[in-house]
Amino acid sequence: MINQPDGFDLLETARRALLDTILPGLPAEKTYTALMIANAMGIASRELQALPKPPLHNESIAALLGMAGVALDDNEPVSESFLATIIRQQAIPQEHERALRALLLALTHDKLRISNPKYLSS
């Protein structure tokens, strides 16, 4: 589960700000360029919306839970939300805590690569 807002929401919010807030204050010779940028943002956001949303690390989560002996429910799909529930229930045995921490670190790094890549390089 990627935290919200996702790329689509961010592009749409930025596009609306460009059109509603910035564009009205631009000089006439900059209007065409701003409209081209808004159009490109609209195309990109529609493309993002059309892409399938692959679950992030669900196989790794399922592997950890299986290794830790956590019973998986067919009615509850394996996801970061499910993992959070299992963590809150303290259902992962202590001997698997190192693997859990490694998985949580990998999930966090993947999110940072998207939302704040400079943080990882510092």
N, C-alpha and C. Protein backbone atom coordinates (compact mmCIF):
# COMPACT_ATOMS: atom_id res chain seq x y z
N MET A 1 0.85 -1.16 0.00
CA MET A 1 0.00 0.00 0.00
C MET A 1 0.90 1.23 0.00
N ILE A 2 0.78 1.99 -1.02
CA ILE A 2 1.49 3.25 -1.09
C ILE A 2 0.63 4.28 -0.37
N ASN A 3 1.27 5.07 0.49
CA ASN A 3 0.52 6.08 1.23
C ASN A 3 -0.12 7.08 0.28
N GLN A 4 -1.22 7.61 0.68
CA GLN A 4 -1.93 8.60 -0.10
C GLN A 4 -1.41 9.98 0.24
N PRO A 5 -1.40 10.92 -0.61
CA PRO A 5 -1.88 10.83 -1.97
C PRO A 5 -0.88 10.11 -2.87
N ASP A 6 -1.41 9.47 -3.92
CA ASP A 6 -0.54 8.79 -4.86
C ASP A 6 -0.15 9.74 -5.98
N GLY A 7 0.60 9.24 -6.96
CA GLY A 7 1.07 10.08 -8.05
C GLY A 7 -0.05 10.75 -8.82
N PHE A 8 -1.14 10.01 -9.04
CA PHE A 8 -2.29 10.57 -9.75
C PHE A 8 -2.85 11.76 -8.99
N ASP A 9 -3.08 11.59 -7.70
CA ASP A 9 -3.63 12.67 -6.88
C ASP A 9 -2.70 13.88 -6.84
N LEU A 10 -1.40 13.62 -6.73
CA LEU A 10 -0.45 14.73 -6.69
C LEU A 10 -0.43 15.51 -8.00
N LEU A 11 -0.44 14.78 -9.12
CA LEU A 11 -0.46 15.46 -10.42
C LEU A 11 -1.74 16.27 -10.60
N GLU A 12 -2.86 15.71 -10.22
CA GLU A 12 -4.13 16.42 -10.36
C GLU A 12 -4.17 17.66 -9.47
N THR A 13 -3.66 17.56 -8.26
CA THR A 13 -3.63 18.71 -7.35
C THR A 13 -2.71 19.81 -7.91
N ALA A 14 -1.53 19.40 -8.39
CA ALA A 14 -0.60 20.38 -8.97
C ALA A 14 -1.20 21.02 -10.23
N ARG A 15 -1.86 20.22 -11.04
CA ARG A 15 -2.48 20.74 -12.27
C ARG A 15 -3.56 21.77 -11.93
N ARG A 16 -4.40 21.46 -10.94
CA ARG A 16 -5.45 22.39 -10.53
C ARG A 16 -4.84 23.68 -9.99
N ALA A 17 -3.77 23.57 -9.20
CA ALA A 17 -3.11 24.77 -8.67
C ALA A 17 -2.54 25.62 -9.81
N LEU A 18 -1.95 24.95 -10.79
CA LEU A 18 -1.41 25.68 -11.94
C LEU A 18 -2.52 26.42 -12.68
N LEU A 19 -3.62 25.72 -12.96
CA LEU A 19 -4.70 26.33 -13.72
C LEU A 19 -5.48 27.37 -12.93
N ASP A 20 -5.74 27.09 -11.67
CA ASP A 20 -6.62 27.96 -10.88
C ASP A 20 -5.89 29.11 -10.19
N THR A 21 -4.63 28.91 -9.82
CA THR A 21 -3.92 29.90 -9.01
C THR A 21 -2.82 30.62 -9.79
N ILE A 22 -1.99 29.85 -10.47
CA ILE A 22 -0.83 30.45 -11.13
C ILE A 22 -1.19 31.05 -12.48
N LEU A 23 -1.94 30.32 -13.29
CA LEU A 23 -2.26 30.78 -14.65
C LEU A 23 -2.90 32.16 -14.68
N PRO A 24 -3.89 32.45 -13.82
CA PRO A 24 -4.52 33.78 -13.89
C PRO A 24 -3.55 34.94 -13.64
N GLY A 25 -2.47 34.70 -12.94
CA GLY A 25 -1.53 35.77 -12.64
C GLY A 25 -0.37 35.88 -13.62
N LEU A 26 -0.33 34.98 -14.59
CA LEU A 26 0.78 35.00 -15.56
C LEU A 26 0.55 36.05 -16.64
N PRO A 27 1.64 36.61 -17.15
CA PRO A 27 1.49 37.51 -18.29
C PRO A 27 1.02 36.71 -19.51
N ALA A 28 0.37 37.36 -20.44
CA ALA A 28 -0.24 36.71 -21.60
C ALA A 28 0.74 35.85 -22.37
N GLU A 29 2.01 36.28 -22.49
CA GLU A 29 2.97 35.51 -23.28
C GLU A 29 3.38 34.20 -22.60
N LYS A 30 3.06 34.02 -21.35
CA LYS A 30 3.37 32.78 -20.62
C LYS A 30 2.17 31.83 -20.54
N THR A 31 1.00 32.28 -20.93
CA THR A 31 -0.23 31.49 -20.81
C THR A 31 -0.17 30.20 -21.61
N TYR A 32 0.27 30.28 -22.86
CA TYR A 32 0.32 29.10 -23.72
C TYR A 32 1.22 28.03 -23.11
N THR A 33 2.37 28.44 -22.61
CA THR A 33 3.30 27.48 -22.00
C THR A 33 2.68 26.83 -20.77
N ALA A 34 2.03 27.61 -19.94
CA ALA A 34 1.39 27.06 -18.74
C ALA A 34 0.28 26.09 -19.12
N LEU A 35 -0.49 26.40 -20.16
CA LEU A 35 -1.54 25.49 -20.61
C LEU A 35 -0.96 24.20 -21.18
N MET A 36 0.18 24.28 -21.87
CA MET A 36 0.85 23.07 -22.36
C MET A 36 1.30 22.19 -21.19
N ILE A 37 1.84 22.82 -20.17
CA ILE A 37 2.28 22.07 -18.98
C ILE A 37 1.07 21.41 -18.31
N ALA A 38 -0.03 22.15 -18.16
CA ALA A 38 -1.24 21.59 -17.55
C ALA A 38 -1.77 20.42 -18.39
N ASN A 39 -1.73 20.54 -19.71
CA ASN A 39 -2.18 19.46 -20.58
C ASN A 39 -1.30 18.22 -20.42
N ALA A 40 0.02 18.43 -20.39
CA ALA A 40 0.94 17.30 -20.19
C ALA A 40 0.70 16.63 -18.84
N MET A 41 0.44 17.42 -17.82
CA MET A 41 0.15 16.86 -16.50
C MET A 41 -1.15 16.05 -16.53
N GLY A 42 -2.14 16.54 -17.25
CA GLY A 42 -3.40 15.81 -17.38
C GLY A 42 -3.20 14.48 -18.07
N ILE A 43 -2.41 14.47 -19.15
CA ILE A 43 -2.14 13.21 -19.86
C ILE A 43 -1.40 12.24 -18.95
N ALA A 44 -0.38 12.73 -18.26
CA ALA A 44 0.39 11.86 -17.36
C ALA A 44 -0.48 11.30 -16.24
N SER A 45 -1.36 12.11 -15.68
CA SER A 45 -2.21 11.61 -14.59
C SER A 45 -3.21 10.58 -15.09
N ARG A 46 -3.73 10.78 -16.32
CA ARG A 46 -4.65 9.78 -16.88
C ARG A 46 -3.91 8.46 -17.17
N GLU A 47 -2.67 8.57 -17.63
CA GLU A 47 -1.88 7.36 -17.86
C GLU A 47 -1.62 6.63 -16.54
N LEU A 48 -1.29 7.37 -15.51
CA LEU A 48 -1.09 6.76 -14.19
C LEU A 48 -2.36 6.07 -13.70
N GLN A 49 -3.48 6.72 -13.91
CA GLN A 49 -4.77 6.17 -13.46
C GLN A 49 -5.09 4.88 -14.21
N ALA A 50 -4.66 4.79 -15.48
CA ALA A 50 -4.99 3.62 -16.30
C ALA A 50 -4.09 2.42 -16.00
N LEU A 51 -2.93 2.65 -15.39
CA LEU A 51 -2.00 1.55 -15.11
C LEU A 51 -2.56 0.66 -14.00
N PRO A 52 -2.32 -0.65 -14.11
CA PRO A 52 -2.70 -1.52 -12.99
C PRO A 52 -1.86 -1.17 -11.77
N LYS A 53 -2.44 -1.30 -10.63
CA LYS A 53 -1.75 -0.97 -9.38
C LYS A 53 -1.20 -2.26 -8.77
N PRO A 54 0.07 -2.59 -9.07
CA PRO A 54 0.62 -3.83 -8.52
C PRO A 54 0.82 -3.69 -7.01
N PRO A 55 0.50 -4.74 -6.28
CA PRO A 55 0.73 -4.68 -4.83
C PRO A 55 2.23 -4.64 -4.55
N LEU A 56 2.62 -3.76 -3.68
CA LEU A 56 4.02 -3.57 -3.35
C LEU A 56 4.45 -4.55 -2.27
N HIS A 57 5.36 -5.44 -2.63
CA HIS A 57 5.97 -6.37 -1.67
C HIS A 57 5.00 -7.37 -1.05
N ASN A 58 3.85 -7.60 -1.63
CA ASN A 58 2.91 -8.53 -1.00
C ASN A 58 3.48 -9.94 -0.90
N GLU A 59 4.29 -10.35 -1.89
CA GLU A 59 4.90 -11.67 -1.82
C GLU A 59 5.88 -11.76 -0.65
N SER A 60 6.64 -10.69 -0.44
CA SER A 60 7.59 -10.66 0.67
C SER A 60 6.86 -10.68 2.01
N ILE A 61 5.76 -9.96 2.08
CA ILE A 61 4.95 -9.96 3.31
C ILE A 61 4.41 -11.35 3.58
N ALA A 62 3.86 -11.98 2.54
CA ALA A 62 3.30 -13.33 2.69
C ALA A 62 4.39 -14.32 3.12
N ALA A 63 5.58 -14.19 2.54
CA ALA A 63 6.69 -15.08 2.90
C ALA A 63 7.07 -14.92 4.37
N LEU A 64 7.17 -13.67 4.82
CA LEU A 64 7.51 -13.42 6.22
C LEU A 64 6.45 -13.99 7.14
N LEU A 65 5.19 -13.73 6.82
CA LEU A 65 4.10 -14.22 7.68
C LEU A 65 4.08 -15.75 7.70
N GLY A 66 4.32 -16.38 6.54
CA GLY A 66 4.38 -17.84 6.50
C GLY A 66 5.52 -18.38 7.34
N MET A 67 6.71 -17.75 7.21
CA MET A 67 7.89 -18.16 7.98
C MET A 67 7.63 -17.99 9.48
N ALA A 68 6.88 -16.97 9.84
CA ALA A 68 6.60 -16.69 11.25
C ALA A 68 5.44 -17.52 11.78
N GLY A 69 4.82 -18.30 10.90
CA GLY A 69 3.72 -19.16 11.34
C GLY A 69 2.41 -18.44 11.54
N VAL A 70 2.26 -17.28 10.92
CA VAL A 70 1.00 -16.53 11.04
C VAL A 70 0.01 -17.12 10.05
N ALA A 71 -1.15 -17.49 10.55
CA ALA A 71 -2.19 -18.07 9.70
C ALA A 71 -2.76 -17.00 8.78
N LEU A 72 -2.78 -17.31 7.48
CA LEU A 72 -3.32 -16.37 6.51
C LEU A 72 -4.78 -16.71 6.25
N ASP A 73 -5.60 -15.70 6.19
CA ASP A 73 -7.03 -15.84 5.96
C ASP A 73 -7.32 -15.56 4.50
N ASP A 74 -8.02 -16.49 3.83
CA ASP A 74 -8.35 -16.31 2.41
C ASP A 74 -9.21 -15.07 2.19
N ASN A 75 -9.95 -14.64 3.21
CA ASN A 75 -10.83 -13.47 3.08
C ASN A 75 -10.07 -12.15 3.23
N GLU A 76 -8.87 -12.22 3.78
CA GLU A 76 -8.07 -11.01 4.00
C GLU A 76 -6.84 -11.08 3.11
N PRO A 77 -6.79 -10.26 2.06
CA PRO A 77 -5.61 -10.31 1.18
C PRO A 77 -4.36 -9.83 1.91
N VAL A 78 -3.24 -10.43 1.56
CA VAL A 78 -1.97 -10.02 2.15
C VAL A 78 -1.63 -8.65 1.58
N SER A 79 -1.37 -7.72 2.48
CA SER A 79 -1.07 -6.35 2.10
C SER A 79 -0.35 -5.68 3.26
N GLU A 80 0.09 -4.46 3.03
CA GLU A 80 0.70 -3.72 4.13
C GLU A 80 -0.30 -3.46 5.25
N SER A 81 -1.55 -3.24 4.90
CA SER A 81 -2.58 -3.04 5.93
C SER A 81 -2.74 -4.29 6.79
N PHE A 82 -2.73 -5.44 6.12
CA PHE A 82 -2.84 -6.71 6.86
C PHE A 82 -1.63 -6.89 7.76
N LEU A 83 -0.43 -6.59 7.24
CA LEU A 83 0.78 -6.69 8.05
C LEU A 83 0.69 -5.77 9.26
N ALA A 84 0.19 -4.56 9.07
CA ALA A 84 0.04 -3.62 10.19
C ALA A 84 -0.88 -4.20 11.27
N THR A 85 -1.95 -4.85 10.83
CA THR A 85 -2.86 -5.48 11.79
C THR A 85 -2.15 -6.57 12.57
N ILE A 86 -1.38 -7.40 11.87
CA ILE A 86 -0.64 -8.49 12.52
C ILE A 86 0.38 -7.92 13.51
N ILE A 87 1.04 -6.84 13.14
CA ILE A 87 2.01 -6.21 14.04
C ILE A 87 1.31 -5.68 15.28
N ARG A 88 0.17 -5.00 15.09
CA ARG A 88 -0.57 -4.47 16.25
C ARG A 88 -1.03 -5.60 17.18
N GLN A 89 -1.33 -6.75 16.61
CA GLN A 89 -1.75 -7.90 17.41
C GLN A 89 -0.57 -8.62 18.05
N GLN A 90 0.63 -8.17 17.73
CA GLN A 90 1.87 -8.78 18.22
C GLN A 90 1.90 -10.28 17.92
N ALA A 91 1.47 -10.62 16.69
CA ALA A 91 1.35 -12.02 16.29
C ALA A 91 2.61 -12.58 15.64
N ILE A 92 3.62 -11.78 15.47
CA ILE A 92 4.86 -12.27 14.89
C ILE A 92 5.82 -12.62 16.03
N PRO A 93 6.26 -13.88 16.08
CA PRO A 93 7.15 -14.29 17.17
C PRO A 93 8.44 -13.49 17.18
N GLN A 94 9.01 -13.33 18.35
CA GLN A 94 10.20 -12.50 18.54
C GLN A 94 11.37 -12.99 17.70
N GLU A 95 11.48 -14.29 17.45
CA GLU A 95 12.61 -14.79 16.67
C GLU A 95 12.56 -14.36 15.19
N HIS A 96 11.43 -13.80 14.76
CA HIS A 96 11.29 -13.32 13.40
C HIS A 96 11.30 -11.79 13.33
N GLU A 97 11.63 -11.17 14.46
CA GLU A 97 11.63 -9.71 14.51
C GLU A 97 12.67 -9.09 13.58
N ARG A 98 13.84 -9.71 13.46
CA ARG A 98 14.88 -9.18 12.57
C ARG A 98 14.38 -9.18 11.12
N ALA A 99 13.73 -10.25 10.70
CA ALA A 99 13.20 -10.33 9.33
C ALA A 99 12.09 -9.30 9.13
N LEU A 100 11.27 -9.10 10.16
CA LEU A 100 10.21 -8.08 10.08
C LEU A 100 10.81 -6.70 9.92
N ARG A 101 11.83 -6.40 10.72
CA ARG A 101 12.48 -5.08 10.61
C ARG A 101 13.09 -4.88 9.23
N ALA A 102 13.71 -5.92 8.67
CA ALA A 102 14.30 -5.82 7.33
C ALA A 102 13.22 -5.56 6.28
N LEU A 103 12.09 -6.23 6.41
CA LEU A 103 10.99 -6.02 5.47
C LEU A 103 10.44 -4.60 5.59
N LEU A 104 10.24 -4.13 6.81
CA LEU A 104 9.73 -2.77 7.01
C LEU A 104 10.71 -1.72 6.47
N LEU A 105 11.99 -1.98 6.63
CA LEU A 105 13.00 -1.07 6.10
C LEU A 105 12.95 -1.06 4.57
N ALA A 106 12.79 -2.23 3.95
CA ALA A 106 12.70 -2.32 2.48
C ALA A 106 11.46 -1.58 1.98
N LEU A 107 10.34 -1.74 2.66
CA LEU A 107 9.12 -1.03 2.27
C LEU A 107 9.32 0.48 2.38
N THR A 108 9.95 0.91 3.45
CA THR A 108 10.19 2.34 3.66
C THR A 108 11.13 2.89 2.59
N HIS A 109 12.18 2.16 2.28
CA HIS A 109 13.12 2.61 1.23
C HIS A 109 12.42 2.73 -0.11
N ASP A 110 11.56 1.77 -0.44
CA ASP A 110 10.84 1.84 -1.71
C ASP A 110 9.94 3.08 -1.77
N LYS A 111 9.31 3.39 -0.67
CA LYS A 111 8.45 4.58 -0.64
C LYS A 111 9.29 5.85 -0.73
N LEU A 112 10.44 5.87 -0.09
CA LEU A 112 11.32 7.03 -0.16
C LEU A 112 11.89 7.22 -1.56
N ARG A 113 12.15 6.11 -2.27
CA ARG A 113 12.65 6.23 -3.64
C ARG A 113 11.66 6.98 -4.52
N ILE A 114 10.38 6.89 -4.17
CA ILE A 114 9.33 7.58 -4.92
C ILE A 114 9.11 8.98 -4.39
N SER A 115 8.94 9.11 -3.08
CA SER A 115 8.51 10.39 -2.51
C SER A 115 9.65 11.34 -2.19
N ASN A 116 10.84 10.83 -1.86
CA ASN A 116 11.93 11.71 -1.44
C ASN A 116 13.27 11.04 -1.73
N PRO A 117 13.62 10.85 -3.01
CA PRO A 117 14.84 10.11 -3.34
C PRO A 117 16.12 10.77 -2.81
N LYS A 118 16.10 12.08 -2.64
CA LYS A 118 17.31 12.76 -2.13
C LYS A 118 17.63 12.33 -0.71
N TYR A 119 16.62 11.96 0.07
CA TYR A 119 16.85 11.54 1.45
C TYR A 119 17.75 10.32 1.49
N LEU A 120 17.55 9.38 0.56
CA LEU A 120 18.35 8.17 0.57
C LEU A 120 19.79 8.40 0.15
N SER A 121 20.04 9.46 -0.61
CA SER A 121 21.40 9.73 -1.07
C SER A 121 22.19 10.56 -0.07
N SER A 122 21.53 11.04 0.97
CA SER A 122 22.26 11.88 1.94
C SER A 122 22.77 11.07 3.10
